[in-house]
Protein backbone atom coordinates (compact mmCIF):
# COMPACT_ATOMS: atom_id res chain seq x y z
CA MET A 1 30.60 -74.84 -16.39
CA ALA A 2 34.37 -74.29 -16.36
CA TYR A 3 36.50 -72.82 -19.12
CA LYS A 4 40.23 -72.91 -19.74
CA ILE A 5 41.93 -69.72 -20.92
CA THR A 6 45.13 -70.45 -22.85
CA PHE A 7 47.70 -67.83 -23.81
CA ARG A 8 50.06 -68.78 -26.64
CA LYS A 9 53.27 -67.42 -28.08
CA GLY A 10 53.11 -68.70 -31.62
CA LYS A 11 52.11 -72.35 -31.28
CA ARG A 12 53.65 -72.76 -27.83
CA ILE A 13 51.48 -72.47 -24.71
CA SER A 14 52.73 -69.66 -22.51
CA ALA A 15 50.14 -69.79 -19.69
CA THR A 16 46.77 -71.29 -18.83
CA LYS A 17 44.10 -70.39 -16.32
CA LEU A 18 41.02 -72.31 -15.27
CA TRP A 19 37.99 -70.01 -15.21
CA PRO A 20 35.07 -71.51 -13.25
CA CYS A 21 32.47 -68.97 -14.37
CA ASP A 22 30.23 -68.16 -17.27
CA LEU A 23 31.51 -67.86 -20.82
CA GLU A 24 31.05 -64.10 -21.07
CA ALA A 25 33.24 -63.54 -18.01
CA ALA A 26 35.92 -65.89 -19.36
CA ILE A 27 35.99 -64.06 -22.71
CA ALA A 28 36.11 -60.65 -20.99
CA HIS A 29 39.03 -61.81 -18.84
CA ALA A 30 40.88 -63.24 -21.87
CA ARG A 31 40.43 -59.99 -23.83
CA ALA A 32 41.55 -57.85 -20.89
CA GLN A 33 44.60 -59.97 -20.09
CA LEU A 34 45.96 -60.40 -23.63
CA PRO A 35 47.71 -57.00 -23.78
CA HIS A 36 49.15 -57.54 -20.30
CA GLN A 37 50.40 -61.05 -21.13
CA GLN A 38 51.75 -59.76 -24.42
CA ALA A 39 53.83 -57.13 -22.61
CA LEU A 40 55.06 -59.64 -20.01
CA SER A 41 55.97 -62.60 -22.17
CA GLY A 42 55.23 -61.78 -25.79
CA VAL A 43 52.10 -63.89 -26.18
CA THR A 44 50.37 -63.54 -29.53
CA SER A 45 46.96 -65.14 -28.97
CA VAL A 46 44.45 -66.30 -26.40
CA SER A 47 41.72 -68.91 -26.59
CA VAL A 48 38.89 -70.01 -24.34
CA THR A 49 38.06 -73.71 -24.31
CA CYS A 50 35.12 -75.49 -22.70
CA GLU A 51 36.57 -77.88 -20.12
CA ARG A 52 33.69 -80.34 -20.51
CA THR A 53 33.67 -80.68 -24.31
CA GLY A 54 37.14 -79.46 -25.29
CA GLU A 55 35.58 -77.12 -27.85
CA VAL A 56 37.36 -73.82 -28.51
CA VAL A 57 34.63 -71.22 -28.05
CA PHE A 58 36.69 -68.02 -28.45
CA THR A 59 40.02 -67.06 -30.02
CA LEU A 60 41.74 -63.69 -30.28
CA THR A 61 45.02 -63.06 -32.07
CA GLU A 62 46.93 -59.82 -31.69
CA ARG A 63 48.85 -58.74 -34.72
CA GLN A 64 52.45 -57.91 -34.07
CA PRO A 65 53.57 -54.48 -35.30
CA GLU A 66 55.31 -54.78 -38.62
CA THR A 67 58.85 -53.54 -38.88
CA VAL A 68 59.84 -51.35 -41.77
CA ASP A 69 63.36 -51.46 -43.11
CA LEU A 70 64.57 -48.04 -44.11
């Protein structure tokens, strides 16, 4: 079964990748790539969607560091 990994910056899609493997591998790849994609293009979340059903099976959102006004 294939999965689609989608990286988003806010509500806008920043990048997608088709992952033709098992779900656990797709989730591991999404988790590992989120910090890298965040550094490259400022993405804020990643989701894994089943290509066959369209169901979102995993979502991870990175919190942005809060700024403190002094």
